Amino acid sequence: MSDIDLNSNPPPELRPYHVLVTGFGPFSRYSVNPSWLAVKPLHNTILRVDIPLEPVLPVDQPLTDSQVPLTAGREIRITAIQVPVTYEAVLSTVPGLHARPPILPPTSDPFLPTPLPPPEGYDLFFHVGVIGRGSLRMERVGHKFGYNMKDAAGSLAPIVRVFRDDASQPPDAQRMEVSRLRDARDYIVESPVDSNETPKRGFGRGYESYSEEIYTDIDVEKLVHHLKTCGFDQIYTSMDAGHYICDFLYYCSLAESKRSAKNDKSTPASQVLFLHCPPVGLPLSTEEVTEAIRKSIMWLCKAPTQ
């Protein structure tokens, strides 16, 4: 490889890294959800990172001018949206977010205009929800079943029936079209007529081919370690996203990422991650949570895909 004169050659520019960050709407005692307070300041912001294009040499080997690793500048463009705390809202919104081009719900805040989504889709979906007081929790896995708590509208998750006749299921192309129209009807499964057993609630029609647990392909342990080196001591990884709306959205987003990648092999699969934050001041401030999200996004932009 020929030497590169960094003084005469401007560093290359990479295409923008598109991130969709979600927080939740009001529920229970939260007139404004702490997760939305944390992600709202990131809406329509642009970060910039320099990404090394060559491996860094060992520490004990001095660098010459011709050996300085070449870096490329990359913009991170962030959009934030709010998702209502209902199972129906998740099922009618999340599939459209993963469509290519994505379909975003209309904004409820005139002071937060939503930019046009990238036609090729988002590189990263970073979901945030609130949990009890304590540390930040970076979730590793979403769950398909076990949703037995009522949402903010007083509704339960769909009851899942086991269909033995696969021919009764709509084809993939039809389901993708339904997703793009944000129509949840093909995802909600009717309950059995007579049953004395506790019904299984979660994801049914349209999600038969997906496993009961879906793990993020992000190296959560490394990310948490990075955040600790940045001064965020109160954070740890988690294997239980709660079997409520947060977990429900996480599983849906992970599954839809896989579906989009399967239907469009021209672009890499989007990465998906979920962060649980505590209520404001218990113990972290909104600003601290926002900064943890920002640091995470920058690290993920620079980290190689797993």
Protein backbone atom coordinates (compact mmCIF):
# COMPACT_ATOMS: atom_id res chain seq x y z
CA MET A 1 0.00 0.00 0.00
CA SER A 2 1.44 3.38 -0.96
CA ASP A 3 2.03 6.05 1.64
CA ILE A 4 -0.74 8.62 2.11
CA ASP A 5 0.15 12.25 2.55
CA LEU A 6 -2.40 13.38 5.09
CA ASN A 7 -1.44 17.01 4.56
CA SER A 8 -2.34 16.99 0.87
CA ASN A 9 -5.27 14.57 0.91
CA PRO A 10 -8.42 15.58 2.80
CA PRO A 11 -9.87 12.75 4.88
CA PRO A 12 -12.67 10.83 3.17
CA GLU A 13 -16.31 11.21 4.19
CA LEU A 14 -18.53 8.24 4.91
CA ARG A 15 -22.28 8.25 4.31
CA PRO A 16 -24.32 9.47 7.29
CA TYR A 17 -25.19 7.04 10.07
CA HIS A 18 -28.93 7.26 10.66
CA VAL A 19 -30.31 6.61 14.14
CA LEU A 20 -33.91 6.44 15.30
CA VAL A 21 -34.29 6.89 19.05
CA THR A 22 -37.63 6.13 20.71
CA GLY A 23 -39.06 7.08 24.08
CA PHE A 24 -42.48 6.36 25.51
CA GLY A 25 -45.52 8.51 26.12
CA PRO A 26 -47.36 9.16 29.40
CA PHE A 27 -48.56 6.35 31.64
CA SER A 28 -49.39 5.75 35.29
CA ARG A 29 -47.94 8.55 37.42
CA TYR A 30 -45.77 9.93 34.61
CA SER A 31 -47.49 12.80 32.81
CA VAL A 32 -44.25 13.09 30.85
CA ASN A 33 -42.35 9.83 30.55
CA PRO A 34 -38.74 10.03 31.82
CA SER A 35 -37.62 8.09 28.75
CA TRP A 36 -39.08 10.77 26.47
CA LEU A 37 -37.44 13.51 28.53
CA ALA A 38 -34.10 11.77 27.94
CA VAL A 39 -34.41 11.25 24.18
CA LYS A 40 -36.23 14.43 23.20
CA PRO A 41 -33.07 16.64 23.34
CA LEU A 42 -31.45 14.36 20.74
CA HIS A 43 -34.14 14.94 18.11
CA ASN A 44 -32.80 16.41 14.86
CA THR A 45 -29.25 16.58 16.21
CA ILE A 46 -26.12 15.76 14.26
CA LEU A 47 -23.03 14.29 15.90
CA ARG A 48 -19.70 13.78 14.20
CA VAL A 49 -17.17 11.03 14.76
CA ASP A 50 -13.86 10.08 13.16
CA ILE A 51 -13.62 6.42 12.26
CA PRO A 52 -10.18 4.75 11.86
CA LEU A 53 -9.77 3.12 8.48
CA GLU A 54 -6.53 1.32 9.33
CA PRO A 55 -5.60 -0.78 12.38
CA VAL A 56 -3.83 0.98 15.21
CA LEU A 57 -0.21 -0.16 15.66
CA PRO A 58 1.00 -1.75 18.91
CA VAL A 59 1.68 0.67 21.75
CA ASP A 60 5.42 -0.07 21.81
CA GLN A 61 5.83 0.66 18.09
CA PRO A 62 6.36 4.36 17.30
CA LEU A 63 4.31 5.91 14.50
CA THR A 64 5.85 7.70 11.56
CA ASP A 65 3.97 10.26 9.50
CA SER A 66 3.21 7.66 6.85
CA GLN A 67 1.92 5.18 9.44
CA VAL A 68 -0.67 7.42 11.12
CA PRO A 69 -3.98 5.58 10.74
CA LEU A 70 -6.25 7.24 8.23
CA THR A 71 -9.63 8.28 9.59
CA ALA A 72 -12.88 9.14 7.89
CA GLY A 73 -15.40 11.63 9.19
CA ARG A 74 -18.96 10.45 9.63
CA GLU A 75 -22.11 12.30 10.58
CA ILE A 76 -24.62 10.73 12.95
CA ARG A 77 -28.12 12.00 12.24
CA ILE A 78 -30.59 11.35 15.04
CA THR A 79 -34.38 11.37 14.93
CA ALA A 80 -36.48 10.87 18.06
CA ILE A 81 -40.10 9.76 18.22
CA GLN A 82 -42.54 9.00 21.02
CA VAL A 83 -44.43 5.70 21.19
CA PRO A 84 -47.63 5.37 23.25
CA VAL A 85 -47.52 2.85 26.09
CA THR A 86 -49.90 0.36 24.45
CA TYR A 87 -49.48 -2.99 22.77
CA GLU A 88 -51.55 -1.81 19.82
CA ALA A 89 -49.31 1.23 19.28
CA VAL A 90 -46.22 -0.98 19.21
CA LEU A 91 -47.76 -3.37 16.68
CA SER A 92 -49.04 -0.58 14.45
CA THR A 93 -45.87 1.55 14.59
CA VAL A 94 -42.72 -0.57 14.85
CA PRO A 95 -43.07 -2.56 11.60
CA GLY A 96 -43.35 0.68 9.65
CA LEU A 97 -40.20 2.05 11.29
CA HIS A 98 -38.26 -0.88 9.83
CA ALA A 99 -39.77 -0.59 6.34
CA ARG A 100 -37.56 0.73 3.55
CA PRO A 101 -38.26 3.58 3.23
CA PRO A 102 -39.39 3.84 6.87
CA ILE A 103 -42.85 5.04 7.82
CA LEU A 104 -42.82 7.36 10.83
CA PRO A 105 -45.93 8.20 12.85
CA PRO A 106 -47.10 11.83 12.72
CA THR A 107 -45.57 13.98 15.43
CA SER A 108 -47.79 15.21 18.23
CA ASP A 109 -45.48 18.14 18.97
CA PRO A 110 -45.48 20.97 16.37
CA PHE A 111 -42.18 22.19 17.80
CA LEU A 112 -40.52 18.86 16.95
CA PRO A 113 -40.84 18.50 13.19
CA THR A 114 -39.87 15.07 11.89
CA PRO A 115 -37.36 15.01 9.03
CA LEU A 116 -37.82 12.73 6.06
CA PRO A 117 -36.54 9.27 6.96
CA PRO A 118 -33.58 7.83 5.05
CA PRO A 119 -34.87 5.80 2.06
CA GLU A 120 -32.48 2.94 2.82
CA GLY A 121 -33.65 2.72 6.44
CA TYR A 122 -32.01 3.39 9.78
CA ASP A 123 -28.66 1.95 10.81
CA LEU A 124 -29.57 1.84 14.49
CA PHE A 125 -32.77 1.70 16.53
CA PHE A 126 -32.09 2.84 20.08
CA HIS A 127 -35.13 2.33 22.30
CA VAL A 128 -35.44 3.81 25.78
CA GLY A 129 -37.98 3.08 28.51
CA VAL A 130 -38.38 3.80 32.20
CA ILE A 131 -37.99 1.30 35.02
CA GLY A 132 -37.79 1.63 38.81
CA ARG A 133 -35.19 3.63 40.68
CA GLY A 134 -31.58 2.54 40.36
CA SER A 135 -29.04 2.06 37.61
CA LEU A 136 -29.29 2.19 33.85
CA ARG A 137 -29.97 -1.26 32.37
CA MET A 138 -28.80 -2.22 28.89
CA GLU A 139 -31.07 -5.02 27.74
CA ARG A 140 -29.70 -7.99 25.81
CA VAL A 141 -32.84 -9.91 24.82
CA GLY A 142 -36.50 -9.45 23.90
CA HIS A 143 -39.20 -12.02 24.69
CA LYS A 144 -42.00 -13.30 22.49
CA PHE A 145 -44.49 -14.39 25.16
CA GLY A 146 -45.42 -13.68 28.76
CA TYR A 147 -47.20 -10.33 28.49
CA ASN A 148 -49.91 -10.50 31.15
CA MET A 149 -50.06 -6.88 32.37
CA LYS A 150 -52.48 -4.27 31.08
CA ASP A 151 -51.06 -1.33 29.12
CA ALA A 152 -51.76 2.39 29.64
CA ALA A 153 -55.10 2.01 27.85
CA GLY A 154 -56.16 -0.89 30.06
CA SER A 155 -55.69 -3.46 27.30
CA LEU A 156 -53.84 -6.75 27.37
CA ALA A 157 -51.44 -8.11 24.79
CA PRO A 158 -52.89 -10.31 22.03
CA ILE A 159 -53.70 -13.90 22.89
CA VAL A 160 -51.72 -16.29 20.75
CA ARG A 161 -53.42 -19.24 19.11
CA VAL A 162 -51.37 -22.03 17.61
CA PHE A 163 -52.36 -22.51 13.96
CA ARG A 164 -51.59 -25.96 12.60
CA ASP A 165 -52.46 -25.05 9.03
CA ASP A 166 -49.59 -22.97 7.72
CA ALA A 167 -51.56 -22.36 4.52
CA SER A 168 -53.85 -20.06 6.48
CA GLN A 169 -51.03 -17.60 7.03
CA PRO A 170 -50.58 -14.64 4.66
CA PRO A 171 -47.42 -14.62 2.52
CA ASP A 172 -44.40 -12.53 3.48
CA ALA A 173 -45.08 -9.92 0.80
CA GLN A 174 -48.59 -9.35 2.12
CA ARG A 175 -47.37 -9.03 5.70
CA MET A 176 -44.72 -6.49 4.66
CA GLU A 177 -47.40 -4.44 2.92
CA VAL A 178 -49.52 -4.56 6.04
CA SER A 179 -46.53 -3.37 8.03
CA ARG A 180 -45.97 -0.43 5.70
CA LEU A 181 -49.56 0.66 6.15
CA ARG A 182 -49.22 0.39 9.93
CA ASP A 183 -52.27 -1.86 10.13
CA ALA A 184 -52.12 -4.04 13.22
CA ARG A 185 -55.00 -6.35 12.36
CA ASP A 186 -52.88 -9.21 11.06
CA TYR A 187 -50.79 -9.18 14.23
CA ILE A 188 -53.63 -9.36 16.74
CA VAL A 189 -54.74 -12.95 17.29
CA GLU A 190 -58.21 -13.77 18.58
CA SER A 191 -58.59 -15.63 21.87
CA PRO A 192 -59.72 -19.24 22.15
CA VAL A 193 -63.45 -19.71 22.76
CA ASP A 194 -63.24 -21.94 25.83
CA SER A 195 -60.14 -22.26 27.93
CA ASN A 196 -59.55 -22.65 31.64
CA GLU A 197 -55.82 -22.16 31.24
CA THR A 198 -54.02 -18.85 31.44
CA PRO A 199 -53.82 -17.70 27.82
CA LYS A 200 -50.48 -17.21 26.17
CA ARG A 201 -50.06 -13.55 25.28
CA GLY A 202 -47.50 -11.99 22.97
CA PHE A 203 -46.66 -12.32 19.29
CA GLY A 204 -48.67 -14.60 17.06
CA ARG A 205 -49.59 -14.30 13.42
CA GLY A 206 -46.74 -12.87 11.38
CA TYR A 207 -44.11 -13.82 13.96
CA GLU A 208 -44.37 -17.62 13.84
CA SER A 209 -40.87 -18.07 12.40
CA TYR A 210 -39.13 -16.08 15.12
CA SER A 211 -37.74 -17.69 18.26
CA GLU A 212 -39.14 -17.11 21.74
CA GLU A 213 -36.10 -14.99 22.59
CA ILE A 214 -34.24 -12.70 20.22
CA TYR A 215 -30.86 -11.34 21.29
CA THR A 216 -29.43 -8.09 20.01
CA ASP A 217 -26.35 -8.57 17.86
CA ILE A 218 -24.69 -5.66 19.65
CA ASP A 219 -21.92 -6.55 22.09
CA VAL A 220 -23.72 -5.15 25.12
CA GLU A 221 -20.93 -6.12 27.53
CA LYS A 222 -18.37 -4.10 25.58
CA LEU A 223 -20.72 -1.13 25.32
CA VAL A 224 -21.40 -1.13 29.05
CA HIS A 225 -17.65 -1.36 29.72
CA HIS A 226 -17.11 1.63 27.44
CA LEU A 227 -19.74 3.66 29.27
CA LYS A 228 -18.14 2.82 32.61
CA THR A 229 -14.81 4.13 31.30
CA CYS A 230 -16.69 7.32 30.36
CA GLY A 231 -17.78 7.76 33.97
CA PHE A 232 -21.19 6.09 33.96
CA ASP A 233 -20.75 3.79 36.93
CA GLN A 234 -24.43 3.07 37.48
CA ILE A 235 -25.12 0.83 34.51
CA TYR A 236 -25.25 -2.92 33.96
CA THR A 237 -26.47 -5.47 31.45
CA SER A 238 -29.80 -7.24 31.84
CA MET A 239 -31.48 -10.39 30.51
CA ASP A 240 -34.99 -9.42 31.63
CA ALA A 241 -36.60 -6.44 29.91
CA GLY A 242 -39.71 -6.85 32.05
CA HIS A 243 -42.36 -8.64 29.95
CA TYR A 244 -44.25 -5.35 29.60
CA ILE A 245 -44.42 -2.69 26.88
CA CYS A 246 -40.65 -2.12 26.86
CA ASP A 247 -39.91 -5.80 26.33
CA PHE A 248 -42.80 -6.03 23.83
CA LEU A 249 -41.38 -3.19 21.74
CA TYR A 250 -37.84 -4.59 21.97
CA TYR A 251 -38.86 -8.01 20.68
CA CYS A 252 -40.97 -6.46 17.92
CA SER A 253 -38.10 -4.23 16.78
CA LEU A 254 -35.58 -7.08 16.83
CA ALA A 255 -37.92 -9.30 14.81
CA GLU A 256 -38.74 -6.57 12.29
CA SER A 257 -35.04 -5.87 11.81
CA LYS A 258 -34.56 -9.50 10.85
CA ARG A 259 -37.59 -9.39 8.57
CA SER A 260 -36.37 -6.27 6.74
CA ALA A 261 -32.90 -7.73 6.25
CA LYS A 262 -34.40 -10.92 4.83
CA ASN A 263 -36.59 -9.02 2.37
CA ASP A 264 -33.93 -6.51 1.33
CA LYS A 265 -30.44 -7.96 1.14
CA SER A 266 -29.02 -4.85 -0.54
CA THR A 267 -28.36 -3.14 2.81
CA PRO A 268 -27.08 -4.52 6.14
CA ALA A 269 -29.53 -5.35 8.89
CA SER A 270 -30.31 -2.52 11.27
CA GLN A 271 -29.00 -2.89 14.79
CA VAL A 272 -31.44 -2.71 17.70
CA LEU A 273 -30.83 -1.91 21.36
CA PHE A 274 -32.95 -1.13 24.42
CA LEU A 275 -31.93 0.94 27.46
CA HIS A 276 -33.92 1.15 30.67
CA CYS A 277 -33.52 4.38 32.63
CA PRO A 278 -34.68 5.23 36.18
CA PRO A 279 -37.17 7.98 37.04
CA VAL A 280 -35.70 11.46 37.02
CA GLY A 281 -33.30 11.98 39.92
CA LEU A 282 -33.50 8.39 41.19
CA PRO A 283 -30.56 8.67 41.07
CA LEU A 284 -29.64 9.95 37.58
CA SER A 285 -30.67 13.28 36.11
CA THR A 286 -32.28 13.53 32.68
CA GLU A 287 -29.11 15.14 31.38
CA GLU A 288 -27.01 12.21 32.55
CA VAL A 289 -29.29 9.71 30.82
CA THR A 290 -29.25 11.76 27.62
CA GLU A 291 -25.47 11.86 27.69
CA ALA A 292 -25.28 8.09 28.22
CA ILE A 293 -27.48 7.61 25.15
CA ARG A 294 -25.32 10.01 23.15
CA LYS A 295 -22.10 8.25 24.16
CA SER A 296 -23.65 4.88 23.32
CA ILE A 297 -24.69 5.99 19.84
CA MET A 298 -21.22 7.38 19.08
CA TRP A 299 -19.58 4.15 20.22
CA LEU A 300 -21.98 2.05 18.16
CA CYS A 301 -21.31 4.13 15.07
CA LYS A 302 -17.59 3.47 15.39
CA ALA A 303 -17.80 -0.16 16.51
CA PRO A 304 -17.59 -2.91 13.89
CA THR A 305 -20.82 -4.76 13.22
CA GLN A 306 -21.03 -7.94 15.24
